[in-house]
Amino acid sequence: MTVWSPNSSYHGEMDASMWDQRYESSDLVWSAEPNQFLPGLVADLETGSALDLACGEGRNAVWLARQGWDVTGVDFSPVAIEKAWQLGTDEEVEWVVADVTDYEPDRQFDLAILFYLHVLPEDLAAVFERAIEALAPEGTLVAVGHAVRNLEEGYGGPQYPEILWSEDVIRPMLDGVDNIEMEERLRQVPDADATAIDLVIRAVKG
């Protein structure tokens, strides 16, 4: 997965080794708690099978498993997957080391989630396509990313507009799902006493 910014000095490859180094730098890069939007986004769903793409250290996958979901978590960082396993040792989660842009699951899922994957649009489109393909009929897609507006009006997140999420960029990637709910939401960042702006998506496969 390549991240490139023609309008800045940043040119680089977002590869597993870079993320391995980041995940090795601290006990947990992210909180052990699920993303604050996730519980509300799945509260009305019956538990079933769930796929967490770009799961990182596994906080969302582990939370889903503790609610009774049968979860598969996928990330291209072996260090992240090892930490995810340690976080969820009391839960049955299938952890997979794989690049989500070309990962092909061997079964369908009732829920697919994608949180804060920030790559160039062609790579992101490939991941959305695979997430939707992996859904069973009537399965639910949930996705959250830093909004473009966060760059100027929010806090944190990537500082390269071409990898931030907007409705204009994301909506064409949602071919194959219906009942699309997409809106910007404010997210409190307690450690920084600040507010971030995320784009939150929920849709259902027809």
C-alpha atoms as a PDB file:
ATOM      1  CA  MET A   1       0.000   0.000   0.000  1.00  0.00           C
ATOM      2  CA  THR A   2       1.522   3.271  -1.118  1.00  0.00           C
ATOM      3  CA  VAL A   3       0.893   6.660   0.421  1.00  0.00           C
ATOM      4  CA  TRP A   4       2.039   9.552  -1.732  1.00  0.00           C
ATOM      5  CA  SER A   5       1.515  13.298  -1.465  1.00  0.00           C
ATOM      6  CA  PRO A   6       2.251  15.417  -4.540  1.00  0.00           C
ATOM      7  CA  ASN A   7       1.724  18.616  -2.545  1.00  0.00           C
ATOM      8  CA  SER A   8       4.200  17.950   0.247  1.00  0.00           C
ATOM      9  CA  SER A   9       7.645  16.588   0.958  1.00  0.00           C
ATOM     10  CA  TYR A  10       6.227  13.243   2.043  1.00  0.00           C
ATOM     11  CA  HIS A  11       6.858  10.368  -0.341  1.00  0.00           C
ATOM     12  CA  GLY A  12       6.838   6.916   1.105  1.00  0.00           C
ATOM     13  CA  GLU A  13       5.719   3.342   1.225  1.00  0.00           C
ATOM     14  CA  MET A  14       3.376   2.399   4.053  1.00  0.00           C
ATOM     15  CA  ASP A  15       4.658  -1.093   4.611  1.00  0.00           C
ATOM     16  CA  ALA A  16       4.457  -3.658   7.366  1.00  0.00           C
ATOM     17  CA  SER A  17       7.974  -2.990   8.652  1.00  0.00           C
ATOM     18  CA  MET A  18       7.165   0.679   9.331  1.00  0.00           C
ATOM     19  CA  TRP A  19       4.097  -0.327  11.320  1.00  0.00           C
ATOM     20  CA  ASP A  20       6.035  -3.067  13.094  1.00  0.00           C
ATOM     21  CA  GLN A  21       8.438  -0.403  14.342  1.00  0.00           C
ATOM     22  CA  ARG A  22       5.591   1.805  15.478  1.00  0.00           C
ATOM     23  CA  TYR A  23       3.801  -1.009  17.287  1.00  0.00           C
ATOM     24  CA  GLU A  24       7.054  -2.066  18.968  1.00  0.00           C
ATOM     25  CA  SER A  25       7.568   1.454  20.313  1.00  0.00           C
ATOM     26  CA  SER A  26       4.958   1.191  23.086  1.00  0.00           C
ATOM     27  CA  ASP A  27       2.754  -1.283  24.920  1.00  0.00           C
ATOM     28  CA  LEU A  28      -0.309  -0.145  22.982  1.00  0.00           C
ATOM     29  CA  VAL A  29      -0.287   2.515  20.279  1.00  0.00           C
ATOM     30  CA  TRP A  30      -4.067   2.712  20.549  1.00  0.00           C
ATOM     31  CA  SER A  31      -6.381   2.203  23.498  1.00  0.00           C
ATOM     32  CA  ALA A  32      -7.398  -1.292  24.563  1.00  0.00           C
ATOM     33  CA  GLU A  33     -11.000  -0.091  24.409  1.00  0.00           C
ATOM     34  CA  PRO A  34     -12.992  -0.215  21.166  1.00  0.00           C
ATOM     35  CA  ASN A  35     -13.416   2.830  19.007  1.00  0.00           C
ATOM     36  CA  GLN A  36     -16.096   4.961  20.625  1.00  0.00           C
ATOM     37  CA  PHE A  37     -18.412   4.693  17.608  1.00  0.00           C
ATOM     38  CA  LEU A  38     -18.326   0.905  17.243  1.00  0.00           C
ATOM     39  CA  PRO A  39     -20.737  -0.156  20.032  1.00  0.00           C
ATOM     40  CA  GLY A  40     -23.488   2.120  18.770  1.00  0.00           C
ATOM     41  CA  LEU A  41     -22.967   1.122  15.146  1.00  0.00           C
ATOM     42  CA  VAL A  42     -23.518  -2.579  15.857  1.00  0.00           C
ATOM     43  CA  ALA A  43     -25.905  -2.380  18.807  1.00  0.00           C
ATOM     44  CA  ASP A  44     -28.972  -3.415  16.797  1.00  0.00           C
ATOM     45  CA  LEU A  45     -27.284  -6.322  14.990  1.00  0.00           C
ATOM     46  CA  GLU A  46     -27.606  -9.965  15.894  1.00  0.00           C
ATOM     47  CA  THR A  47     -24.205 -11.451  16.652  1.00  0.00           C
ATOM     48  CA  GLY A  48     -22.699 -13.591  13.917  1.00  0.00           C
ATOM     49  CA  SER A  49     -19.426 -13.650  12.014  1.00  0.00           C
ATOM     50  CA  ALA A  50     -17.319 -10.481  11.761  1.00  0.00           C
ATOM     51  CA  LEU A  51     -14.289  -9.457   9.709  1.00  0.00           C
ATOM     52  CA  ASP A  52     -12.028  -6.672  10.995  1.00  0.00           C
ATOM     53  CA  LEU A  53      -9.814  -5.424   8.149  1.00  0.00           C
ATOM     54  CA  ALA A  54      -6.644  -3.518   9.124  1.00  0.00           C
ATOM     55  CA  CYS A  55      -7.347  -4.539  12.720  1.00  0.00           C
ATOM     56  CA  GLY A  56      -4.098  -3.169  14.171  1.00  0.00           C
ATOM     57  CA  GLU A  57      -3.655  -4.219  17.790  1.00  0.00           C
ATOM     58  CA  GLY A  58      -7.088  -5.788  17.781  1.00  0.00           C
ATOM     59  CA  ARG A  59      -9.101  -3.595  20.123  1.00  0.00           C
ATOM     60  CA  ASN A  60     -12.241  -3.637  17.969  1.00  0.00           C
ATOM     61  CA  ALA A  61     -11.958  -7.326  17.081  1.00  0.00           C
ATOM     62  CA  VAL A  62     -11.490  -8.314  20.722  1.00  0.00           C
ATOM     63  CA  TRP A  63     -14.451  -6.183  21.808  1.00  0.00           C
ATOM     64  CA  LEU A  64     -16.665  -7.784  19.164  1.00  0.00           C
ATOM     65  CA  ALA A  65     -15.570 -11.245  20.286  1.00  0.00           C
ATOM     66  CA  ARG A  66     -16.489 -10.378  23.872  1.00  0.00           C
ATOM     67  CA  GLN A  67     -19.974  -9.458  22.669  1.00  0.00           C
ATOM     68  CA  GLY A  68     -20.363 -12.908  21.151  1.00  0.00           C
ATOM     69  CA  TRP A  69     -19.194 -12.363  17.569  1.00  0.00           C
ATOM     70  CA  ASP A  70     -17.113 -14.958  15.708  1.00  0.00           C
ATOM     71  CA  VAL A  71     -14.279 -12.660  14.625  1.00  0.00           C
ATOM     72  CA  THR A  72     -11.444 -12.722  12.103  1.00  0.00           C
ATOM     73  CA  GLY A  73      -8.903  -9.881  12.413  1.00  0.00           C
ATOM     74  CA  VAL A  74      -6.525  -9.092   9.548  1.00  0.00           C
ATOM     75  CA  ASP A  75      -3.474  -6.829   9.484  1.00  0.00           C
ATOM     76  CA  PHE A  76      -0.202  -6.784   7.555  1.00  0.00           C
ATOM     77  CA  SER A  77       1.915  -6.098  10.647  1.00  0.00           C
ATOM     78  CA  PRO A  78       3.038  -9.286  12.421  1.00  0.00           C
ATOM     79  CA  VAL A  79       3.820  -7.214  15.524  1.00  0.00           C
ATOM     80  CA  ALA A  80       0.281  -5.835  15.574  1.00  0.00           C
ATOM     81  CA  ILE A  81      -1.210  -9.303  15.252  1.00  0.00           C
ATOM     82  CA  GLU A  82       0.983 -10.612  18.086  1.00  0.00           C
ATOM     83  CA  LYS A  83      -0.164  -7.738  20.301  1.00  0.00           C
ATOM     84  CA  ALA A  84      -3.774  -8.351  19.254  1.00  0.00           C
ATOM     85  CA  TRP A  85      -3.433 -11.979  20.300  1.00  0.00           C
ATOM     86  CA  GLN A  86      -2.052 -10.907  23.680  1.00  0.00           C
ATOM     87  CA  LEU A  87      -4.896  -8.397  24.120  1.00  0.00           C
ATOM     88  CA  GLY A  88      -7.528 -11.016  23.422  1.00  0.00           C
ATOM     89  CA  THR A  89      -6.062 -14.179  24.947  1.00  0.00           C
ATOM     90  CA  ASP A  90      -9.366 -14.873  26.694  1.00  0.00           C
ATOM     91  CA  GLU A  91     -11.316 -14.736  23.429  1.00  0.00           C
ATOM     92  CA  GLU A  92     -11.478 -16.946  20.339  1.00  0.00           C
ATOM     93  CA  VAL A  93     -10.395 -14.679  17.469  1.00  0.00           C
ATOM     94  CA  GLU A  94      -8.799 -15.827  14.228  1.00  0.00           C
ATOM     95  CA  TRP A  95      -5.800 -13.550  13.642  1.00  0.00           C
ATOM     96  CA  VAL A  96      -4.426 -13.308  10.103  1.00  0.00           C
ATOM     97  CA  VAL A  97      -1.252 -11.584   8.889  1.00  0.00           C
ATOM     98  CA  ALA A  98      -2.109 -10.321   5.395  1.00  0.00           C
ATOM     99  CA  ASP A  99      -2.281  -7.175   3.272  1.00  0.00           C
ATOM    100  CA  VAL A 100      -5.935  -6.139   3.269  1.00  0.00           C
ATOM    101  CA  THR A 101      -5.680  -4.818  -0.301  1.00  0.00           C
ATOM    102  CA  ASP A 102      -5.337  -8.368  -1.620  1.00  0.00           C
ATOM    103  CA  TYR A 103      -6.603 -10.535   1.242  1.00  0.00           C
ATOM    104  CA  GLU A 104      -9.234 -13.060   0.130  1.00  0.00           C
ATOM    105  CA  PRO A 105     -11.239 -14.633   2.973  1.00  0.00           C
ATOM    106  CA  ASP A 106     -12.462 -18.176   2.504  1.00  0.00           C
ATOM    107  CA  ARG A 107     -15.944 -17.509   3.853  1.00  0.00           C
ATOM    108  CA  GLN A 108     -18.575 -14.799   4.108  1.00  0.00           C
ATOM    109  CA  PHE A 109     -19.300 -12.605   7.102  1.00  0.00           C
ATOM    110  CA  ASP A 110     -22.326 -10.946   8.663  1.00  0.00           C
ATOM    111  CA  LEU A 111     -20.290  -7.854   9.538  1.00  0.00           C
ATOM    112  CA  ALA A 112     -17.201  -6.245   8.017  1.00  0.00           C
ATOM    113  CA  ILE A 113     -15.484  -3.316   9.721  1.00  0.00           C
ATOM    114  CA  LEU A 114     -12.756  -0.984   8.523  1.00  0.00           C
ATOM    115  CA  PHE A 115     -11.384   1.638  10.915  1.00  0.00           C
ATOM    116  CA  TYR A 116      -8.852   4.360  10.098  1.00  0.00           C
ATOM    117  CA  LEU A 117      -7.237   2.854   7.032  1.00  0.00           C
ATOM    118  CA  HIS A 118      -5.586   5.784   5.266  1.00  0.00           C
ATOM    119  CA  VAL A 119      -4.039   4.915   1.934  1.00  0.00           C
ATOM    120  CA  LEU A 120      -4.304   6.283  -1.584  1.00  0.00           C
ATOM    121  CA  PRO A 121      -7.816   6.071  -3.054  1.00  0.00           C
ATOM    122  CA  GLU A 122      -7.046   3.205  -5.431  1.00  0.00           C
ATOM    123  CA  ASP A 123      -5.844   1.064  -2.515  1.00  0.00           C
ATOM    124  CA  LEU A 124      -8.769   2.079  -0.333  1.00  0.00           C
ATOM    125  CA  ALA A 125     -11.205   1.246  -3.121  1.00  0.00           C
ATOM    126  CA  ALA A 126      -9.669  -2.235  -3.354  1.00  0.00           C
ATOM    127  CA  VAL A 127     -10.195  -2.781   0.370  1.00  0.00           C
ATOM    128  CA  PHE A 128     -13.811  -1.605   0.272  1.00  0.00           C
ATOM    129  CA  GLU A 129     -14.421  -3.897  -2.696  1.00  0.00           C
ATOM    130  CA  ARG A 130     -13.012  -6.870  -0.813  1.00  0.00           C
ATOM    131  CA  ALA A 131     -14.937  -5.988   2.335  1.00  0.00           C
ATOM    132  CA  ILE A 132     -18.203  -5.862   0.400  1.00  0.00           C
ATOM    133  CA  GLU A 133     -17.410  -9.095  -1.450  1.00  0.00           C
ATOM    134  CA  ALA A 134     -16.772 -10.765   1.908  1.00  0.00           C
ATOM    135  CA  LEU A 135     -20.203  -9.847   3.246  1.00  0.00           C
ATOM    136  CA  ALA A 136     -23.029 -12.339   3.215  1.00  0.00           C
ATOM    137  CA  PRO A 137     -26.372 -11.115   1.829  1.00  0.00           C
ATOM    138  CA  GLU A 138     -27.873  -8.625   4.293  1.00  0.00           C
ATOM    139  CA  GLY A 139     -24.460  -8.275   5.920  1.00  0.00           C
ATOM    140  CA  THR A 140     -23.445  -4.931   7.393  1.00  0.00           C
ATOM    141  CA  LEU A 141     -20.449  -2.778   6.483  1.00  0.00           C
ATOM    142  CA  VAL A 142     -19.116  -0.338   9.099  1.00  0.00           C
ATOM    143  CA  ALA A 143     -16.241   2.016   8.326  1.00  0.00           C
ATOM    144  CA  VAL A 144     -14.695   5.012  10.075  1.00  0.00           C
ATOM    145  CA  GLY A 145     -11.888   7.284   8.916  1.00  0.00           C
ATOM    146  CA  HIS A 146     -10.427  10.718   9.575  1.00  0.00           C
ATOM    147  CA  ALA A 147     -12.400  13.250   7.558  1.00  0.00           C
ATOM    148  CA  VAL A 148     -10.745  15.713   5.198  1.00  0.00           C
ATOM    149  CA  ARG A 149     -12.201  18.526   7.291  1.00  0.00           C
ATOM    150  CA  ASN A 150     -10.239  17.213  10.269  1.00  0.00           C
ATOM    151  CA  LEU A 151      -7.068  18.529   8.654  1.00  0.00           C
ATOM    152  CA  GLU A 152      -8.082  22.172   9.188  1.00  0.00           C
ATOM    153  CA  GLU A 153     -10.784  22.014  11.842  1.00  0.00           C
ATOM    154  CA  GLY A 154     -10.074  18.899  13.900  1.00  0.00           C
ATOM    155  CA  TYR A 155      -7.233  17.232  15.740  1.00  0.00           C
ATOM    156  CA  GLY A 156      -4.678  14.549  14.935  1.00  0.00           C
ATOM    157  CA  GLY A 157      -4.800  12.045  12.121  1.00  0.00           C
ATOM    158  CA  PRO A 158      -2.783  12.019   8.891  1.00  0.00           C
ATOM    159  CA  GLN A 159      -1.726  15.396   7.581  1.00  0.00           C
ATOM    160  CA  TYR A 160      -2.036  14.502   3.880  1.00  0.00           C
ATOM    161  CA  PRO A 161      -5.404  15.393   2.333  1.00  0.00           C
ATOM    162  CA  GLU A 162      -5.183  12.803  -0.439  1.00  0.00           C
ATOM    163  CA  ILE A 163      -5.507   9.939   2.062  1.00  0.00           C
ATOM    164  CA  LEU A 164      -8.257  11.457   4.221  1.00  0.00           C
ATOM    165  CA  TRP A 165     -11.899  10.468   3.786  1.00  0.00           C
ATOM    166  CA  SER A 166     -14.719  12.496   2.277  1.00  0.00           C
ATOM    167  CA  GLU A 167     -18.159  11.555   1.026  1.00  0.00           C
ATOM    168  CA  ASP A 168     -17.191  12.412  -2.553  1.00  0.00           C
ATOM    169  CA  VAL A 169     -14.221  10.030  -2.382  1.00  0.00           C
ATOM    170  CA  ILE A 170     -15.844   7.188  -0.469  1.00  0.00           C
ATOM    171  CA  ARG A 171     -19.337   6.972  -1.967  1.00  0.00           C
ATOM    172  CA  PRO A 172     -18.173   5.624  -5.364  1.00  0.00           C
ATOM    173  CA  MET A 173     -16.370   2.841  -3.483  1.00  0.00           C
ATOM    174  CA  LEU A 174     -19.623   1.527  -2.015  1.00  0.00           C
ATOM    175  CA  ASP A 175     -20.953  -0.281  -5.045  1.00  0.00           C
ATOM    176  CA  GLY A 176     -22.787  -3.385  -3.895  1.00  0.00           C
ATOM    177  CA  VAL A 177     -24.279  -2.026  -0.667  1.00  0.00           C
ATOM    178  CA  ASP A 178     -27.531  -0.195   0.038  1.00  0.00           C
ATOM    179  CA  ASN A 179     -29.076   1.791   2.880  1.00  0.00           C
ATOM    180  CA  ILE A 180     -25.889   3.823   3.059  1.00  0.00           C
ATOM    181  CA  GLU A 181     -25.592   6.060   6.108  1.00  0.00           C
ATOM    182  CA  MET A 182     -22.634   8.421   5.901  1.00  0.00           C
ATOM    183  CA  GLU A 183     -21.963  11.423   8.097  1.00  0.00           C
ATOM    184  CA  GLU A 184     -19.211  13.343   9.806  1.00  0.00           C
ATOM    185  CA  ARG A 185     -19.098  12.899  13.572  1.00  0.00           C
ATOM    186  CA  LEU A 186     -17.107  14.621  16.262  1.00  0.00           C
ATOM    187  CA  ARG A 187     -14.860  12.366  18.338  1.00  0.00           C
ATOM    188  CA  GLN A 188     -13.499  13.458  21.681  1.00  0.00           C
ATOM    189  CA  VAL A 189      -9.775  12.860  22.181  1.00  0.00           C
ATOM    190  CA  PRO A 190      -9.514  12.663  25.985  1.00  0.00           C
ATOM    191  CA  ASP A 191      -5.724  12.597  26.272  1.00  0.00           C
ATOM    192  CA  ALA A 192      -5.472  15.779  24.215  1.00  0.00           C
ATOM    193  CA  ASP A 193      -8.669  17.444  25.447  1.00  0.00           C
ATOM    194  CA  ALA A 194      -9.499  18.005  21.784  1.00  0.00           C
ATOM    195  CA  THR A 195     -12.087  17.078  19.166  1.00  0.00           C
ATOM    196  CA  ALA A 196     -11.428  15.168  15.952  1.00  0.00           C
ATOM    197  CA  ILE A 197     -13.721  14.911  12.929  1.00  0.00           C
ATOM    198  CA  ASP A 198     -14.385  11.447  11.507  1.00  0.00           C
ATOM    199  CA  LEU A 199     -16.406  10.185   8.561  1.00  0.00           C
ATOM    200  CA  VAL A 200     -18.641   7.342   9.761  1.00  0.00           C
ATOM    201  CA  ILE A 201     -20.263   4.895   7.351  1.00  0.00           C
ATOM    202  CA  ARG A 202     -22.762   2.087   7.763  1.00  0.00           C
ATOM    203  CA  ALA A 203     -24.373   0.178   4.886  1.00  0.00           C
ATOM    204  CA  VAL A 204     -26.050  -3.138   4.133  1.00  0.00           C
ATOM    205  CA  LYS A 205     -25.300  -5.576   1.330  1.00  0.00           C
ATOM    206  CA  GLY A 206     -28.391  -6.230  -0.757  1.00  0.00           C
END
